[in-house]
N, C-alpha and C. Protein backbone atom coordinates (compact mmCIF):
# COMPACT_ATOMS: atom_id res chain seq x y z
N MET A 1 0.84 -1.18 0.00
CA MET A 1 0.00 0.00 0.00
C MET A 1 0.89 1.25 0.00
N GLU A 2 0.51 2.24 -0.81
CA GLU A 2 1.25 3.51 -0.86
C GLU A 2 1.05 4.27 0.45
N PRO A 3 2.07 4.98 0.89
CA PRO A 3 1.92 5.77 2.11
C PRO A 3 0.92 6.91 1.91
N ARG A 4 0.26 7.29 2.99
CA ARG A 4 -0.67 8.43 2.93
C ARG A 4 0.06 9.75 2.77
N ALA A 5 1.25 9.84 3.32
CA ALA A 5 1.99 11.11 3.31
C ALA A 5 3.46 10.85 2.98
N THR A 6 4.06 11.82 2.33
CA THR A 6 5.48 11.77 1.98
C THR A 6 6.08 13.14 2.26
N ASP A 7 7.25 13.17 2.86
CA ASP A 7 7.96 14.44 3.05
C ASP A 7 8.70 14.74 1.75
N ALA A 8 8.08 15.57 0.92
CA ALA A 8 8.61 15.84 -0.42
C ALA A 8 9.94 16.59 -0.39
N LEU A 9 10.24 17.26 0.70
CA LEU A 9 11.49 18.02 0.78
C LEU A 9 12.69 17.16 1.14
N SER A 10 12.47 16.06 1.88
CA SER A 10 13.60 15.23 2.30
C SER A 10 13.62 13.85 1.66
N LEU A 11 12.64 13.53 0.84
CA LEU A 11 12.57 12.22 0.20
C LEU A 11 13.84 11.96 -0.62
N ALA A 12 14.44 10.78 -0.41
CA ALA A 12 15.60 10.38 -1.22
C ALA A 12 15.12 10.09 -2.64
N LEU A 13 15.84 10.60 -3.62
CA LEU A 13 15.47 10.44 -5.02
C LEU A 13 16.42 9.48 -5.72
N ASP A 14 15.92 8.84 -6.77
CA ASP A 14 16.77 8.01 -7.63
C ASP A 14 17.55 8.92 -8.56
N ASP A 15 18.81 8.57 -8.80
CA ASP A 15 19.64 9.34 -9.72
C ASP A 15 19.03 9.32 -11.11
N LEU A 16 18.97 10.48 -11.75
CA LEU A 16 18.45 10.61 -13.10
C LEU A 16 19.57 11.16 -13.97
N PRO A 17 20.29 10.29 -14.68
CA PRO A 17 21.44 10.76 -15.47
C PRO A 17 21.03 11.82 -16.50
N LEU A 18 21.86 12.84 -16.61
CA LEU A 18 21.64 13.90 -17.61
C LEU A 18 22.50 13.61 -18.83
N ASP A 19 21.94 13.80 -20.01
CA ASP A 19 22.68 13.66 -21.25
C ASP A 19 23.76 14.75 -21.27
N ALA A 20 25.00 14.38 -21.50
CA ALA A 20 26.10 15.35 -21.51
C ALA A 20 25.84 16.49 -22.49
N ASP A 21 25.18 16.20 -23.60
CA ASP A 21 24.87 17.23 -24.58
C ASP A 21 23.85 18.24 -24.06
N ALA A 22 23.08 17.86 -23.05
CA ALA A 22 22.06 18.75 -22.49
C ALA A 22 22.62 19.72 -21.47
N VAL A 23 23.79 19.42 -20.92
CA VAL A 23 24.39 20.29 -19.90
C VAL A 23 25.08 21.46 -20.59
N VAL A 24 24.59 22.66 -20.29
CA VAL A 24 25.09 23.88 -20.91
C VAL A 24 26.13 24.55 -20.02
N GLU A 25 25.90 24.51 -18.71
CA GLU A 25 26.79 25.19 -17.78
C GLU A 25 26.79 24.47 -16.43
N GLY A 26 27.97 24.41 -15.80
CA GLY A 26 28.09 23.81 -14.49
C GLY A 26 28.13 22.29 -14.59
N ALA A 27 27.88 21.66 -13.44
CA ALA A 27 27.87 20.20 -13.36
C ALA A 27 26.63 19.75 -12.58
N PRO A 28 25.44 20.09 -13.11
CA PRO A 28 24.21 19.76 -12.39
C PRO A 28 23.97 18.26 -12.35
N SER A 29 23.23 17.85 -11.33
CA SER A 29 22.76 16.46 -11.26
C SER A 29 21.25 16.50 -11.02
N ALA A 30 20.59 15.40 -11.38
CA ALA A 30 19.13 15.35 -11.28
C ALA A 30 18.72 14.08 -10.55
N GLY A 31 17.54 14.15 -9.93
CA GLY A 31 16.97 13.00 -9.26
C GLY A 31 15.46 12.99 -9.44
N VAL A 32 14.86 11.82 -9.28
CA VAL A 32 13.43 11.68 -9.49
C VAL A 32 12.88 10.55 -8.63
N ALA A 33 11.63 10.68 -8.26
CA ALA A 33 10.90 9.60 -7.59
C ALA A 33 9.45 9.69 -8.02
N THR A 34 8.89 8.57 -8.46
CA THR A 34 7.46 8.51 -8.75
C THR A 34 6.76 8.12 -7.47
N LEU A 35 5.76 8.92 -7.08
CA LEU A 35 5.08 8.70 -5.81
C LEU A 35 3.80 7.88 -5.95
N HIS A 36 2.94 8.26 -6.91
CA HIS A 36 1.62 7.67 -7.01
C HIS A 36 1.15 7.60 -8.45
N GLN A 37 0.24 6.69 -8.70
CA GLN A 37 -0.54 6.63 -9.92
C GLN A 37 -1.96 6.97 -9.49
N LEU A 38 -2.60 7.90 -10.18
CA LEU A 38 -3.93 8.33 -9.78
C LEU A 38 -4.76 8.62 -11.02
N GLY A 39 -5.77 7.81 -11.27
CA GLY A 39 -6.65 8.03 -12.42
C GLY A 39 -5.92 8.16 -13.73
N GLY A 40 -4.89 7.37 -13.93
CA GLY A 40 -4.12 7.42 -15.17
C GLY A 40 -3.01 8.45 -15.17
N ALA A 41 -2.92 9.27 -14.13
CA ALA A 41 -1.85 10.27 -14.03
C ALA A 41 -0.76 9.76 -13.09
N GLU A 42 0.44 10.24 -13.33
CA GLU A 42 1.58 9.91 -12.47
C GLU A 42 1.96 11.16 -11.69
N ILE A 43 2.31 10.98 -10.42
CA ILE A 43 2.70 12.09 -9.56
C ILE A 43 4.07 11.77 -9.00
N GLY A 44 4.97 12.76 -9.03
CA GLY A 44 6.31 12.49 -8.54
C GLY A 44 7.05 13.74 -8.10
N ILE A 45 8.29 13.51 -7.71
CA ILE A 45 9.21 14.57 -7.26
C ILE A 45 10.40 14.56 -8.22
N TRP A 46 10.87 15.74 -8.58
CA TRP A 46 12.05 15.89 -9.45
C TRP A 46 12.93 16.97 -8.86
N GLU A 47 14.24 16.81 -9.00
CA GLU A 47 15.19 17.79 -8.46
C GLU A 47 16.33 17.99 -9.45
N LEU A 48 16.82 19.22 -9.50
CA LEU A 48 17.98 19.56 -10.32
C LEU A 48 18.86 20.50 -9.51
N THR A 49 20.16 20.16 -9.42
CA THR A 49 21.10 21.02 -8.70
C THR A 49 21.54 22.18 -9.60
N ALA A 50 22.29 23.10 -9.04
CA ALA A 50 22.70 24.33 -9.74
C ALA A 50 23.42 24.01 -11.06
N GLY A 51 23.07 24.80 -12.08
CA GLY A 51 23.64 24.66 -13.40
C GLY A 51 22.58 24.98 -14.44
N THR A 52 22.93 24.75 -15.70
CA THR A 52 22.00 25.02 -16.80
C THR A 52 21.94 23.79 -17.71
N VAL A 53 20.71 23.36 -18.01
CA VAL A 53 20.49 22.22 -18.90
C VAL A 53 19.36 22.54 -19.88
N THR A 54 19.37 21.84 -20.99
CA THR A 54 18.26 21.93 -21.95
C THR A 54 17.47 20.64 -21.88
N ASP A 55 16.21 20.72 -22.30
CA ASP A 55 15.35 19.54 -22.24
C ASP A 55 14.25 19.64 -23.29
N THR A 56 13.71 18.49 -23.67
CA THR A 56 12.49 18.40 -24.47
C THR A 56 11.44 17.86 -23.53
N GLU A 57 10.37 18.61 -23.34
CA GLU A 57 9.41 18.33 -22.29
C GLU A 57 8.35 17.30 -22.67
N ALA A 58 7.77 16.72 -21.63
CA ALA A 58 6.57 15.89 -21.72
C ALA A 58 5.42 16.71 -21.16
N ASP A 59 4.19 16.29 -21.40
CA ASP A 59 3.03 16.96 -20.79
C ASP A 59 3.14 16.86 -19.28
N GLU A 60 3.02 17.99 -18.60
CA GLU A 60 3.22 18.00 -17.15
C GLU A 60 2.74 19.32 -16.57
N VAL A 61 2.27 19.26 -15.34
CA VAL A 61 2.07 20.44 -14.51
C VAL A 61 2.92 20.21 -13.28
N PHE A 62 3.64 21.25 -12.85
CA PHE A 62 4.46 21.09 -11.65
C PHE A 62 4.35 22.32 -10.75
N ALA A 63 4.65 22.07 -9.47
CA ALA A 63 4.72 23.14 -8.48
C ALA A 63 6.09 23.08 -7.84
N VAL A 64 6.78 24.21 -7.81
CA VAL A 64 8.09 24.29 -7.16
C VAL A 64 7.88 24.29 -5.65
N ILE A 65 8.65 23.43 -4.96
CA ILE A 65 8.55 23.38 -3.50
C ILE A 65 9.82 23.84 -2.80
N ALA A 66 10.92 23.95 -3.55
CA ALA A 66 12.19 24.43 -2.98
C ALA A 66 13.09 24.90 -4.11
N GLY A 67 13.96 25.87 -3.77
CA GLY A 67 14.98 26.31 -4.71
C GLY A 67 14.56 27.47 -5.58
N SER A 68 15.44 27.78 -6.55
CA SER A 68 15.16 28.90 -7.44
C SER A 68 15.91 28.74 -8.76
N GLY A 69 15.41 29.44 -9.75
CA GLY A 69 16.00 29.44 -11.08
C GLY A 69 15.01 29.98 -12.08
N THR A 70 15.23 29.66 -13.34
CA THR A 70 14.30 30.04 -14.40
C THR A 70 14.19 28.89 -15.38
N VAL A 71 13.04 28.82 -16.03
CA VAL A 71 12.88 27.94 -17.18
C VAL A 71 12.51 28.85 -18.34
N THR A 72 13.26 28.71 -19.44
CA THR A 72 13.05 29.54 -20.62
C THR A 72 12.61 28.63 -21.76
N PHE A 73 11.56 29.06 -22.45
CA PHE A 73 10.99 28.30 -23.54
C PHE A 73 11.55 28.78 -24.87
N ALA A 74 11.47 27.93 -25.90
CA ALA A 74 12.02 28.25 -27.22
C ALA A 74 11.42 29.53 -27.80
N ASP A 75 10.18 29.87 -27.42
CA ASP A 75 9.56 31.10 -27.93
C ASP A 75 10.04 32.35 -27.20
N GLY A 76 10.95 32.17 -26.22
CA GLY A 76 11.51 33.32 -25.50
C GLY A 76 10.87 33.59 -24.16
N GLU A 77 9.70 32.99 -23.89
CA GLU A 77 9.07 33.20 -22.59
C GLU A 77 9.95 32.58 -21.50
N SER A 78 10.07 33.29 -20.39
CA SER A 78 10.86 32.83 -19.26
C SER A 78 10.01 32.91 -18.00
N VAL A 79 10.09 31.87 -17.16
CA VAL A 79 9.33 31.83 -15.92
C VAL A 79 10.32 31.75 -14.77
N ALA A 80 10.22 32.69 -13.83
CA ALA A 80 11.04 32.65 -12.62
C ALA A 80 10.50 31.56 -11.71
N LEU A 81 11.39 30.68 -11.27
CA LEU A 81 10.99 29.55 -10.45
C LEU A 81 11.38 29.79 -8.99
N ARG A 82 10.41 29.62 -8.11
CA ARG A 82 10.60 29.74 -6.66
C ARG A 82 9.47 28.96 -6.02
N PRO A 83 9.58 28.63 -4.74
CA PRO A 83 8.50 27.88 -4.09
C PRO A 83 7.16 28.58 -4.27
N GLY A 84 6.17 27.77 -4.66
CA GLY A 84 4.81 28.27 -4.88
C GLY A 84 4.45 28.49 -6.33
N VAL A 85 5.42 28.55 -7.22
CA VAL A 85 5.14 28.77 -8.65
C VAL A 85 4.69 27.46 -9.28
N VAL A 86 3.60 27.54 -10.05
CA VAL A 86 3.04 26.39 -10.76
C VAL A 86 3.20 26.64 -12.26
N VAL A 87 3.69 25.63 -12.99
CA VAL A 87 4.00 25.78 -14.42
C VAL A 87 3.38 24.62 -15.20
N ARG A 88 2.90 24.93 -16.39
CA ARG A 88 2.37 23.93 -17.33
C ARG A 88 3.39 23.73 -18.44
N LEU A 89 3.86 22.50 -18.62
CA LEU A 89 4.75 22.14 -19.73
C LEU A 89 3.95 21.34 -20.73
N ARG A 90 4.26 21.54 -22.01
CA ARG A 90 3.57 20.81 -23.08
C ARG A 90 4.55 19.88 -23.79
N ALA A 91 4.08 18.72 -24.15
CA ALA A 91 4.93 17.73 -24.81
C ALA A 91 5.62 18.33 -26.04
N GLY A 92 6.91 18.10 -26.14
CA GLY A 92 7.69 18.55 -27.28
C GLY A 92 8.31 19.92 -27.13
N GLU A 93 7.90 20.69 -26.11
CA GLU A 93 8.49 22.03 -25.92
C GLU A 93 9.98 21.90 -25.61
N GLN A 94 10.75 22.81 -26.20
CA GLN A 94 12.18 22.89 -25.91
C GLN A 94 12.38 23.91 -24.80
N THR A 95 13.12 23.51 -23.75
CA THR A 95 13.33 24.39 -22.61
C THR A 95 14.79 24.46 -22.23
N ARG A 96 15.09 25.52 -21.48
CA ARG A 96 16.43 25.71 -20.90
C ARG A 96 16.21 26.02 -19.43
N TRP A 97 16.73 25.18 -18.56
CA TRP A 97 16.59 25.31 -17.12
C TRP A 97 17.88 25.88 -16.55
N THR A 98 17.78 27.03 -15.90
CA THR A 98 18.93 27.63 -15.22
C THR A 98 18.60 27.64 -13.74
N VAL A 99 19.30 26.81 -12.99
CA VAL A 99 19.03 26.64 -11.56
C VAL A 99 20.13 27.32 -10.77
N THR A 100 19.73 28.21 -9.87
CA THR A 100 20.69 28.93 -9.02
C THR A 100 20.76 28.36 -7.61
N GLU A 101 19.69 27.72 -7.18
CA GLU A 101 19.62 27.02 -5.89
C GLU A 101 18.85 25.73 -6.14
N THR A 102 19.38 24.60 -5.70
CA THR A 102 18.78 23.30 -5.98
C THR A 102 17.26 23.38 -6.02
N LEU A 103 16.71 23.02 -7.16
CA LEU A 103 15.28 23.14 -7.43
C LEU A 103 14.60 21.78 -7.22
N ARG A 104 13.51 21.78 -6.47
CA ARG A 104 12.72 20.56 -6.27
C ARG A 104 11.27 20.90 -6.59
N LYS A 105 10.64 20.01 -7.36
CA LYS A 105 9.25 20.24 -7.77
C LYS A 105 8.45 18.97 -7.59
N VAL A 106 7.14 19.14 -7.41
CA VAL A 106 6.18 18.04 -7.46
C VAL A 106 5.52 18.13 -8.82
N TRP A 107 5.51 17.03 -9.56
CA TRP A 107 4.94 17.04 -10.90
C TRP A 107 3.78 16.05 -11.03
N VAL A 108 2.90 16.38 -11.97
CA VAL A 108 1.78 15.51 -12.33
C VAL A 108 1.80 15.40 -13.86
N ALA A 109 1.78 14.16 -14.35
CA ALA A 109 1.82 13.94 -15.79
C ALA A 109 0.81 12.86 -16.16
N PRO A 110 0.18 13.00 -17.33
CA PRO A 110 -0.79 11.98 -17.76
C PRO A 110 -0.10 10.65 -18.09
């Protein structure tokens, strides 16, 4: 049975290797944990340490729970990331993540 509660800030995450070609600046590392399946959606935690990486997104909504940085989209839109910010990502979007303080988010994906 899945636990009723999880401490999302201290949960140990599985290492998520970054493609060397995606790392633009620094030596960031990433981690992830899938928490629940709910009505066909997946809910999890993702973290990225300081640095800059590029990514091709999947459909997702996330809420930042710790850290800071920005995510910049190929169309030039940039979103400042800090605890409390909620962002919608669309499948196939090209992004650039610049993390200044280890960023942790809770995500929901179909």
